[in-house]
Amino acid sequence: MNDVNLTVNGQNGQANCGDPTSLETISVQPDPALLSDGWERRQLADPDRAKEAVELYESLGFEVFVKELTEADFGDACKTCAIAGCNGYVMIYTRKKNG
């Protein structure tokens, strides 16, 4: 599965961290251990909306794992900005329940 790319602000397709008119891309890396255990990355969620998404996935019969993002989850391009901008966000993973 590819990285999740989030576009922040943006005009002219040029990245320039800190410039409010720039196009900044934040890369969220998949967790290889979770993927190898059969989890699928589903969505990046604001903590206020994560509960709704978890309830939805559970109602559809999925097992759900919510992972808080840390510095290690971001690509090398802009870790500092990503940590500040995505503070508290979570990545939701699901997998089919056994049985």
PDB file of N, CA and C in Angstrom:
ATOM      1  N   MET A   1       0.851  -1.177   0.000  1.00  0.00           N
ATOM      2  CA  MET A   1       0.000   0.000   0.000  1.00  0.00           C
ATOM      3  C   MET A   1       0.893   1.235   0.000  1.00  0.00           C
ATOM      4  N   ASN A   2       0.518   2.224  -0.750  1.00  0.00           N
ATOM      5  CA  ASN A   2       1.297   3.449  -0.871  1.00  0.00           C
ATOM      6  C   ASN A   2       1.117   4.348   0.332  1.00  0.00           C
ATOM      7  N   ASP A   3       2.009   5.335   0.436  1.00  0.00           N
ATOM      8  CA  ASP A   3       1.884   6.341   1.486  1.00  0.00           C
ATOM      9  C   ASP A   3       0.591   7.112   1.291  1.00  0.00           C
ATOM     10  N   VAL A   4       0.091   7.671   2.366  1.00  0.00           N
ATOM     11  CA  VAL A   4      -1.047   8.580   2.289  1.00  0.00           C
ATOM     12  C   VAL A   4      -0.480   9.970   2.130  1.00  0.00           C
ATOM     13  N   ASN A   5      -0.875  10.673   1.092  1.00  0.00           N
ATOM     14  CA  ASN A   5      -0.374  12.021   0.858  1.00  0.00           C
ATOM     15  C   ASN A   5      -1.468  13.028   1.146  1.00  0.00           C
ATOM     16  N   LEU A   6      -1.177  13.988   1.981  1.00  0.00           N
ATOM     17  CA  LEU A   6      -2.120  15.027   2.355  1.00  0.00           C
ATOM     18  C   LEU A   6      -1.654  16.327   1.739  1.00  0.00           C
ATOM     19  N   THR A   7      -2.516  16.999   1.014  1.00  0.00           N
ATOM     20  CA  THR A   7      -2.155  18.272   0.425  1.00  0.00           C
ATOM     21  C   THR A   7      -2.614  19.384   1.346  1.00  0.00           C
ATOM     22  N   VAL A   8      -1.702  20.262   1.712  1.00  0.00           N
ATOM     23  CA  VAL A   8      -1.987  21.361   2.617  1.00  0.00           C
ATOM     24  C   VAL A   8      -1.827  22.661   1.854  1.00  0.00           C
ATOM     25  N   ASN A   9      -2.824  23.550   1.937  1.00  0.00           N
ATOM     26  CA  ASN A   9      -2.803  24.826   1.218  1.00  0.00           C
ATOM     27  C   ASN A   9      -2.697  24.553  -0.274  1.00  0.00           C
ATOM     28  N   GLY A  10      -1.953  25.346  -0.968  1.00  0.00           N
ATOM     29  CA  GLY A  10      -1.540  24.984  -2.290  1.00  0.00           C
ATOM     30  C   GLY A  10      -1.945  25.853  -3.447  1.00  0.00           C
ATOM     31  N   GLN A  11      -0.961  26.320  -4.149  1.00  0.00           N
ATOM     32  CA  GLN A  11      -1.110  26.970  -5.435  1.00  0.00           C
ATOM     33  C   GLN A  11       0.163  26.740  -6.217  1.00  0.00           C
ATOM     34  N   ASN A  12       0.049  26.592  -7.490  1.00  0.00           N
ATOM     35  CA  ASN A  12       1.186  26.478  -8.414  1.00  0.00           C
ATOM     36  C   ASN A  12       2.011  25.208  -8.253  1.00  0.00           C
ATOM     37  N   GLY A  13       1.594  24.278  -7.400  1.00  0.00           N
ATOM     38  CA  GLY A  13       2.301  23.012  -7.258  1.00  0.00           C
ATOM     39  C   GLY A  13       3.695  23.104  -6.684  1.00  0.00           C
ATOM     40  N   GLN A  14       4.041  24.192  -6.021  1.00  0.00           N
ATOM     41  CA  GLN A  14       5.378  24.364  -5.461  1.00  0.00           C
ATOM     42  C   GLN A  14       5.350  24.188  -3.945  1.00  0.00           C
ATOM     43  N   ALA A  15       6.245  23.373  -3.423  1.00  0.00           N
ATOM     44  CA  ALA A  15       6.339  23.170  -1.978  1.00  0.00           C
ATOM     45  C   ALA A  15       7.277  24.198  -1.375  1.00  0.00           C
ATOM     46  N   ASN A  16       6.863  24.803  -0.294  1.00  0.00           N
ATOM     47  CA  ASN A  16       7.697  25.762   0.423  1.00  0.00           C
ATOM     48  C   ASN A  16       7.167  25.825   1.856  1.00  0.00           C
ATOM     49  N   CYS A  17       7.720  25.007   2.717  1.00  0.00           N
ATOM     50  CA  CYS A  17       7.228  24.874   4.082  1.00  0.00           C
ATOM     51  C   CYS A  17       7.109  26.242   4.758  1.00  0.00           C
ATOM     52  N   GLY A  18       5.929  26.513   5.292  1.00  0.00           N
ATOM     53  CA  GLY A  18       5.695  27.758   5.991  1.00  0.00           C
ATOM     54  C   GLY A  18       5.063  28.841   5.148  1.00  0.00           C
ATOM     55  N   ASP A  19       5.083  28.691   3.829  1.00  0.00           N
ATOM     56  CA  ASP A  19       4.465  29.670   2.933  1.00  0.00           C
ATOM     57  C   ASP A  19       2.997  29.303   2.753  1.00  0.00           C
ATOM     58  N   PRO A  20       2.064  30.159   3.187  1.00  0.00           N
ATOM     59  CA  PRO A  20       0.641  29.811   3.124  1.00  0.00           C
ATOM     60  C   PRO A  20       0.088  29.665   1.717  1.00  0.00           C
ATOM     61  N   THR A  21       0.825  30.076   0.700  1.00  0.00           N
ATOM     62  CA  THR A  21       0.360  29.907  -0.675  1.00  0.00           C
ATOM     63  C   THR A  21       0.986  28.689  -1.344  1.00  0.00           C
ATOM     64  N   SER A  22       1.759  27.925  -0.600  1.00  0.00           N
ATOM     65  CA  SER A  22       2.472  26.805  -1.212  1.00  0.00           C
ATOM     66  C   SER A  22       1.645  25.527  -1.181  1.00  0.00           C
ATOM     67  N   LEU A  23       2.118  24.550  -1.935  1.00  0.00           N
ATOM     68  CA  LEU A  23       1.542  23.220  -1.941  1.00  0.00           C
ATOM     69  C   LEU A  23       2.496  22.330  -1.146  1.00  0.00           C
ATOM     70  N   GLU A  24       2.082  21.928   0.033  1.00  0.00           N
ATOM     71  CA  GLU A  24       2.920  21.082   0.879  1.00  0.00           C
ATOM     72  C   GLU A  24       2.315  19.697   0.923  1.00  0.00           C
ATOM     73  N   THR A  25       3.127  18.686   0.749  1.00  0.00           N
ATOM     74  CA  THR A  25       2.663  17.310   0.803  1.00  0.00           C
ATOM     75  C   THR A  25       3.254  16.650   2.030  1.00  0.00           C
ATOM     76  N   ILE A  26       2.381  16.049   2.813  1.00  0.00           N
ATOM     77  CA  ILE A  26       2.804  15.333   4.020  1.00  0.00           C
ATOM     78  C   ILE A  26       2.591  13.856   3.748  1.00  0.00           C
ATOM     79  N   SER A  27       3.610  13.065   3.922  1.00  0.00           N
ATOM     80  CA  SER A  27       3.545  11.640   3.647  1.00  0.00           C
ATOM     81  C   SER A  27       3.423  10.869   4.960  1.00  0.00           C
ATOM     82  N   VAL A  28       2.357  10.072   5.089  1.00  0.00           N
ATOM     83  CA  VAL A  28       2.169   9.230   6.267  1.00  0.00           C
ATOM     84  C   VAL A  28       2.525   7.808   5.860  1.00  0.00           C
ATOM     85  N   GLN A  29       3.552   7.268   6.500  1.00  0.00           N
ATOM     86  CA  GLN A  29       4.066   5.950   6.160  1.00  0.00           C
ATOM     87  C   GLN A  29       3.168   4.849   6.743  1.00  0.00           C
ATOM     88  N   PRO A  30       2.983   3.755   6.018  1.00  0.00           N
ATOM     89  CA  PRO A  30       2.240   2.622   6.576  1.00  0.00           C
ATOM     90  C   PRO A  30       3.070   1.931   7.652  1.00  0.00           C
ATOM     91  N   ASP A  31       2.420   1.286   8.579  1.00  0.00           N
ATOM     92  CA  ASP A  31       3.105   0.536   9.623  1.00  0.00           C
ATOM     93  C   ASP A  31       3.312  -0.889   9.109  1.00  0.00           C
ATOM     94  N   PRO A  32       4.553  -1.262   8.772  1.00  0.00           N
ATOM     95  CA  PRO A  32       4.790  -2.578   8.168  1.00  0.00           C
ATOM     96  C   PRO A  32       4.389  -3.741   9.071  1.00  0.00           C
ATOM     97  N   ALA A  33       4.525  -3.588  10.381  1.00  0.00           N
ATOM     98  CA  ALA A  33       4.148  -4.668  11.296  1.00  0.00           C
ATOM     99  C   ALA A  33       2.640  -4.908  11.250  1.00  0.00           C
ATOM    100  N   LEU A  34       1.869  -3.834  11.221  1.00  0.00           N
ATOM    101  CA  LEU A  34       0.414  -3.991  11.147  1.00  0.00           C
ATOM    102  C   LEU A  34       0.000  -4.597   9.808  1.00  0.00           C
ATOM    103  N   LEU A  35       0.608  -4.130   8.728  1.00  0.00           N
ATOM    104  CA  LEU A  35       0.280  -4.666   7.407  1.00  0.00           C
ATOM    105  C   LEU A  35       0.590  -6.158   7.333  1.00  0.00           C
ATOM    106  N   SER A  36       1.716  -6.570   7.909  1.00  0.00           N
ATOM    107  CA  SER A  36       2.088  -7.992   7.867  1.00  0.00           C
ATOM    108  C   SER A  36       1.162  -8.849   8.731  1.00  0.00           C
ATOM    109  N   ASP A  37       0.477  -8.227   9.689  1.00  0.00           N
ATOM    110  CA  ASP A  37      -0.495  -8.949  10.522  1.00  0.00           C
ATOM    111  C   ASP A  37      -1.896  -8.940   9.924  1.00  0.00           C
ATOM    112  N   GLY A  38      -2.014  -8.452   8.682  1.00  0.00           N
ATOM    113  CA  GLY A  38      -3.284  -8.507   7.992  1.00  0.00           C
ATOM    114  C   GLY A  38      -4.154  -7.267   8.107  1.00  0.00           C
ATOM    115  N   TRP A  39      -3.631  -6.213   8.735  1.00  0.00           N
ATOM    116  CA  TRP A  39      -4.395  -4.969   8.860  1.00  0.00           C
ATOM    117  C   TRP A  39      -4.315  -4.184   7.563  1.00  0.00           C
ATOM    118  N   GLU A  40      -5.392  -3.479   7.228  1.00  0.00           N
ATOM    119  CA  GLU A  40      -5.426  -2.577   6.074  1.00  0.00           C
ATOM    120  C   GLU A  40      -5.593  -1.161   6.584  1.00  0.00           C
ATOM    121  N   ARG A  41      -4.793  -0.272   6.036  1.00  0.00           N
ATOM    122  CA  ARG A  41      -4.935   1.143   6.385  1.00  0.00           C
ATOM    123  C   ARG A  41      -6.197   1.667   5.731  1.00  0.00           C
ATOM    124  N   ARG A  42      -7.058   2.283   6.522  1.00  0.00           N
ATOM    125  CA  ARG A  42      -8.327   2.769   5.979  1.00  0.00           C
ATOM    126  C   ARG A  42      -8.385   4.276   5.854  1.00  0.00           C
ATOM    127  N   GLN A  43      -8.063   4.994   6.933  1.00  0.00           N
ATOM    128  CA  GLN A  43      -8.172   6.447   6.839  1.00  0.00           C
ATOM    129  C   GLN A  43      -7.425   7.151   7.952  1.00  0.00           C
ATOM    130  N   LEU A  44      -7.042   8.371   7.635  1.00  0.00           N
ATOM    131  CA  LEU A  44      -6.474   9.286   8.604  1.00  0.00           C
ATOM    132  C   LEU A  44      -7.639  10.073   9.173  1.00  0.00           C
ATOM    133  N   ALA A  45      -7.703  10.195  10.494  1.00  0.00           N
ATOM    134  CA  ALA A  45      -8.874  10.826  11.093  1.00  0.00           C
ATOM    135  C   ALA A  45      -8.503  11.803  12.189  1.00  0.00           C
ATOM    136  N   ASP A  46      -9.257  12.866  12.222  1.00  0.00           N
ATOM    137  CA  ASP A  46      -9.229  13.803  13.339  1.00  0.00           C
ATOM    138  C   ASP A  46      -9.782  13.046  14.550  1.00  0.00           C
ATOM    139  N   PRO A  47      -9.202  13.236  15.715  1.00  0.00           N
ATOM    140  CA  PRO A  47      -9.672  12.480  16.887  1.00  0.00           C
ATOM    141  C   PRO A  47     -11.166  12.643  17.156  1.00  0.00           C
ATOM    142  N   ASP A  48     -11.721  13.797  16.841  1.00  0.00           N
ATOM    143  CA  ASP A  48     -13.147  14.015  17.069  1.00  0.00           C
ATOM    144  C   ASP A  48     -14.015  13.178  16.137  1.00  0.00           C
ATOM    145  N   ARG A  49     -13.488  12.811  14.975  1.00  0.00           N
ATOM    146  CA  ARG A  49     -14.243  12.025  14.001  1.00  0.00           C
ATOM    147  C   ARG A  49     -13.875  10.550  14.016  1.00  0.00           C
ATOM    148  N   ALA A  50     -12.790  10.204  14.671  1.00  0.00           N
ATOM    149  CA  ALA A  50     -12.314   8.821  14.666  1.00  0.00           C
ATOM    150  C   ALA A  50     -13.321   7.870  15.290  1.00  0.00           C
ATOM    151  N   LYS A  51     -13.965   8.294  16.360  1.00  0.00           N
ATOM    152  CA  LYS A  51     -14.930   7.422  17.042  1.00  0.00           C
ATOM    153  C   LYS A  51     -16.049   7.012  16.086  1.00  0.00           C
ATOM    154  N   GLU A  52     -16.546   7.952  15.290  1.00  0.00           N
ATOM    155  CA  GLU A  52     -17.602   7.636  14.321  1.00  0.00           C
ATOM    156  C   GLU A  52     -17.118   6.608  13.305  1.00  0.00           C
ATOM    157  N   ALA A  53     -15.894   6.788  12.811  1.00  0.00           N
ATOM    158  CA  ALA A  53     -15.348   5.864  11.820  1.00  0.00           C
ATOM    159  C   ALA A  53     -15.164   4.473  12.428  1.00  0.00           C
ATOM    160  N   VAL A  54     -14.673   4.420  13.656  1.00  0.00           N
ATOM    161  CA  VAL A  54     -14.489   3.133  14.335  1.00  0.00           C
ATOM    162  C   VAL A  54     -15.832   2.422  14.471  1.00  0.00           C
ATOM    163  N   GLU A  55     -16.852   3.145  14.904  1.00  0.00           N
ATOM    164  CA  GLU A  55     -18.184   2.547  15.051  1.00  0.00           C
ATOM    165  C   GLU A  55     -18.707   2.035  13.716  1.00  0.00           C
ATOM    166  N   LEU A  56     -18.472   2.787  12.647  1.00  0.00           N
ATOM    167  CA  LEU A  56     -18.918   2.360  11.329  1.00  0.00           C
ATOM    168  C   LEU A  56     -18.216   1.077  10.901  1.00  0.00           C
ATOM    169  N   TYR A  57     -16.897   1.036  11.004  1.00  0.00           N
ATOM    170  CA  TYR A  57     -16.159  -0.163  10.605  1.00  0.00           C
ATOM    171  C   TYR A  57     -16.565  -1.364  11.449  1.00  0.00           C
ATOM    172  N   GLU A  58     -16.759  -1.166  12.753  1.00  0.00           N
ATOM    173  CA  GLU A  58     -17.190  -2.270  13.613  1.00  0.00           C
ATOM    174  C   GLU A  58     -18.585  -2.759  13.219  1.00  0.00           C
ATOM    175  N   SER A  59     -19.467  -1.842  12.870  1.00  0.00           N
ATOM    176  CA  SER A  59     -20.821  -2.238  12.455  1.00  0.00           C
ATOM    177  C   SER A  59     -20.808  -3.017  11.144  1.00  0.00           C
ATOM    178  N   LEU A  60     -19.763  -2.823  10.349  1.00  0.00           N
ATOM    179  CA  LEU A  60     -19.607  -3.560   9.092  1.00  0.00           C
ATOM    180  C   LEU A  60     -18.896  -4.897   9.294  1.00  0.00           C
ATOM    181  N   GLY A  61     -18.570  -5.216  10.558  1.00  0.00           N
ATOM    182  CA  GLY A  61     -17.968  -6.508  10.871  1.00  0.00           C
ATOM    183  C   GLY A  61     -16.461  -6.549  10.882  1.00  0.00           C
ATOM    184  N   PHE A  62     -15.812  -5.397  10.912  1.00  0.00           N
ATOM    185  CA  PHE A  62     -14.351  -5.355  10.938  1.00  0.00           C
ATOM    186  C   PHE A  62     -13.822  -5.250  12.353  1.00  0.00           C
ATOM    187  N   GLU A  63     -12.643  -5.797  12.548  1.00  0.00           N
ATOM    188  CA  GLU A  63     -11.846  -5.525  13.732  1.00  0.00           C
ATOM    189  C   GLU A  63     -11.128  -4.207  13.445  1.00  0.00           C
ATOM    190  N   VAL A  64     -11.037  -3.325  14.439  1.00  0.00           N
ATOM    191  CA  VAL A  64     -10.498  -1.985  14.206  1.00  0.00           C
ATOM    192  C   VAL A  64      -9.340  -1.711  15.154  1.00  0.00           C
ATOM    193  N   PHE A  65      -8.284  -1.105  14.607  1.00  0.00           N
ATOM    194  CA  PHE A  65      -7.142  -0.669  15.407  1.00  0.00           C
ATOM    195  C   PHE A  65      -6.883   0.803  15.092  1.00  0.00           C
ATOM    196  N   VAL A  66      -6.798   1.619  16.133  1.00  0.00           N
ATOM    197  CA  VAL A  66      -6.552   3.047  15.969  1.00  0.00           C
ATOM    198  C   VAL A  66      -5.136   3.341  16.453  1.00  0.00           C
ATOM    199  N   LYS A  67      -4.321   3.894  15.574  1.00  0.00           N
ATOM    200  CA  LYS A  67      -2.918   4.172  15.890  1.00  0.00           C
ATOM    201  C   LYS A  67      -2.685   5.674  15.904  1.00  0.00           C
ATOM    202  N   GLU A  68      -2.246   6.193  17.041  1.00  0.00           N
ATOM    203  CA  GLU A  68      -1.874   7.606  17.106  1.00  0.00           C
ATOM    204  C   GLU A  68      -0.605   7.818  16.297  1.00  0.00           C
ATOM    205  N   LEU A  69      -0.558   8.910  15.567  1.00  0.00           N
ATOM    206  CA  LEU A  69       0.607   9.197  14.740  1.00  0.00           C
ATOM    207  C   LEU A  69       1.747   9.760  15.584  1.00  0.00           C
ATOM    208  N   THR A  70       2.950   9.311  15.262  1.00  0.00           N
ATOM    209  CA  THR A  70       4.164   9.817  15.903  1.00  0.00           C
ATOM    210  C   THR A  70       5.107  10.299  14.802  1.00  0.00           C
ATOM    211  N   GLU A  71       6.211  10.866  15.173  1.00  0.00           N
ATOM    212  CA  GLU A  71       7.189  11.352  14.201  1.00  0.00           C
ATOM    213  C   GLU A  71       7.631  10.251  13.243  1.00  0.00           C
ATOM    214  N   ALA A  72       7.736   9.025  13.733  1.00  0.00           N
ATOM    215  CA  ALA A  72       8.182   7.905  12.908  1.00  0.00           C
ATOM    216  C   ALA A  72       7.206   7.561  11.779  1.00  0.00           C
ATOM    217  N   ASP A  73       5.960   8.015  11.886  1.00  0.00           N
ATOM    218  CA  ASP A  73       4.956   7.702  10.870  1.00  0.00           C
ATOM    219  C   ASP A  73       5.022   8.611   9.645  1.00  0.00           C
ATOM    220  N   PHE A  74       5.808   9.672   9.715  1.00  0.00           N
ATOM    221  CA  PHE A  74       5.853  10.644   8.628  1.00  0.00           C
ATOM    222  C   PHE A  74       7.106  10.454   7.782  1.00  0.00           C
ATOM    223  N   GLY A  75       7.001  10.828   6.510  1.00  0.00           N
ATOM    224  CA  GLY A  75       8.149  10.808   5.613  1.00  0.00           C
ATOM    225  C   GLY A  75       9.173  11.840   6.040  1.00  0.00           C
ATOM    226  N   ASP A  76      10.322  11.798   5.416  1.00  0.00           N
ATOM    227  CA  ASP A  76      11.427  12.668   5.804  1.00  0.00           C
ATOM    228  C   ASP A  76      11.257  14.122   5.381  1.00  0.00           C
ATOM    229  N   ALA A  77      10.378  14.400   4.417  1.00  0.00           N
ATOM    230  CA  ALA A  77      10.301  15.732   3.822  1.00  0.00           C
ATOM    231  C   ALA A  77       9.985  16.838   4.823  1.00  0.00           C
ATOM    232  N   CYS A  78       9.071  16.612   5.734  1.00  0.00           N
ATOM    233  CA  CYS A  78       8.644  17.711   6.607  1.00  0.00           C
ATOM    234  C   CYS A  78       8.096  17.186   7.930  1.00  0.00           C
ATOM    235  N   LYS A  79       8.907  16.431   8.649  1.00  0.00           N
ATOM    236  CA  LYS A  79       8.443  15.830   9.900  1.00  0.00           C
ATOM    237  C   LYS A  79       7.975  16.867  10.904  1.00  0.00           C
ATOM    238  N   THR A  80       8.697  17.942  11.067  1.00  0.00           N
ATOM    239  CA  THR A  80       8.340  18.951  12.061  1.00  0.00           C
ATOM    240  C   THR A  80       6.981  19.556  11.767  1.00  0.00           C
ATOM    241  N   CYS A  81       6.765  19.940  10.526  1.00  0.00           N
ATOM    242  CA  CYS A  81       5.467  20.530  10.147  1.00  0.00           C
ATOM    243  C   CYS A  81       4.348  19.508  10.281  1.00  0.00           C
ATOM    244  N   ALA A  82       4.617  18.274   9.878  1.00  0.00           N
ATOM    245  CA  ALA A  82       3.588  17.242   9.947  1.00  0.00           C
ATOM    246  C   ALA A  82       3.184  16.967  11.388  1.00  0.00           C
ATOM    247  N   ILE A  83       4.156  16.903  12.273  1.00  0.00           N
ATOM    248  CA  ILE A  83       3.849  16.661  13.686  1.00  0.00           C
ATOM    249  C   ILE A  83       2.998  17.803  14.234  1.00  0.00           C
ATOM    250  N   ALA A  84       3.352  19.027  13.910  1.00  0.00           N
ATOM    251  CA  ALA A  84       2.585  20.173  14.399  1.00  0.00           C
ATOM    252  C   ALA A  84       1.194  20.211  13.780  1.00  0.00           C
ATOM    253  N   GLY A  85       1.097  19.941  12.487  1.00  0.00           N
ATOM    254  CA  GLY A  85      -0.179  20.032  11.790  1.00  0.00           C
ATOM    255  C   GLY A  85      -1.102  18.857  12.025  1.00  0.00           C
ATOM    256  N   CYS A  86      -0.555  17.709  12.340  1.00  0.00           N
ATOM    257  CA  CYS A  86      -1.366  16.500  12.512  1.00  0.00           C
ATOM    258  C   CYS A  86      -1.381  16.016  13.956  1.00  0.00           C
ATOM    259  N   ASN A  87      -1.037  16.889  14.878  1.00  0.00           N
ATOM    260  CA  ASN A  87      -1.015  16.524  16.290  1.00  0.00           C
ATOM    261  C   ASN A  87      -2.363  15.971  16.723  1.00  0.00           C
ATOM    262  N   GLY A  88      -2.368  14.771  17.245  1.00  0.00           N
ATOM    263  CA  GLY A  88      -3.588  14.155  17.728  1.00  0.00           C
ATOM    264  C   GLY A  88      -4.324  13.327  16.689  1.00  0.00           C
ATOM    265  N   TYR A  89      -3.953  13.443  15.418  1.00  0.00           N
ATOM    266  CA  TYR A  89      -4.620  12.647  14.396  1.00  0.00           C
ATOM    267  C   TYR A  89      -4.257  11.180  14.563  1.00  0.00           C
ATOM    268  N   VAL A  90      -5.123  10.309  14.064  1.00  0.00           N
ATOM    269  CA  VAL A  90      -4.901   8.874  14.164  1.00  0.00           C
ATOM    270  C   VAL A  90      -5.071   8.236  12.797  1.00  0.00           C
ATOM    271  N   MET A  91      -4.419   7.099  12.620  1.00  0.00           N
ATOM    272  CA  MET A  91      -4.611   6.294  11.427  1.00  0.00           C
ATOM    273  C   MET A  91      -5.463   5.103  11.842  1.00  0.00           C
ATOM    274  N   ILE A  92      -6.517   4.857  11.077  1.00  0.00           N
ATOM    275  CA  ILE A  92      -7.417   3.746  11.377  1.00  0.00           C
ATOM    276  C   ILE A  92      -7.082   2.586  10.458  1.00  0.00           C
ATOM    277  N   TYR A  93      -6.864   1.429  11.068  1.00  0.00           N
ATOM    278  CA  TYR A  93      -6.609   0.187  10.355  1.00  0.00           C
ATOM    279  C   TYR A  93      -7.767  -0.763  10.639  1.00  0.00           C
ATOM    280  N   THR A  94      -8.095  -1.610   9.670  1.00  0.00           N
ATOM    281  CA  THR A  94      -9.125  -2.632   9.879  1.00  0.00           C
ATOM    282  C   THR A  94      -8.631  -3.960   9.334  1.00  0.00           C
ATOM    283  N   ARG A  95      -9.264  -5.016   9.799  1.00  0.00           N
ATOM    284  CA  ARG A  95      -9.087  -6.343   9.204  1.00  0.00           C
ATOM    285  C   ARG A  95     -10.357  -7.148   9.487  1.00  0.00           C
ATOM    286  N   LYS A  96     -10.565  -8.151   8.675  1.00  0.00           N
ATOM    287  CA  LYS A  96     -11.741  -8.987   8.860  1.00  0.00           C
ATOM    288  C   LYS A  96     -11.594  -9.780  10.157  1.00  0.00           C
ATOM    289  N   LYS A  97     -12.718  -9.923  10.857  1.00  0.00           N
ATOM    290  CA  LYS A  97     -12.702 -10.692  12.095  1.00  0.00           C
ATOM    291  C   LYS A  97     -12.571 -12.165  11.751  1.00  0.00           C
ATOM    292  N   ASN A  98     -11.831 -12.890  12.583  1.00  0.00           N
ATOM    293  CA  ASN A  98     -11.707 -14.347  12.404  1.00  0.00           C
ATOM    294  C   ASN A  98     -12.986 -15.002  12.884  1.00  0.00           C
ATOM    295  N   GLY A  99     -13.449 -15.965  12.080  1.00  0.00           N
ATOM    296  CA  GLY A  99     -14.629 -16.729  12.497  1.00  0.00           C
ATOM    297  C   GLY A  99     -15.816 -16.209  11.928  1.00  0.00           C
TER     298      GLY A  99
END
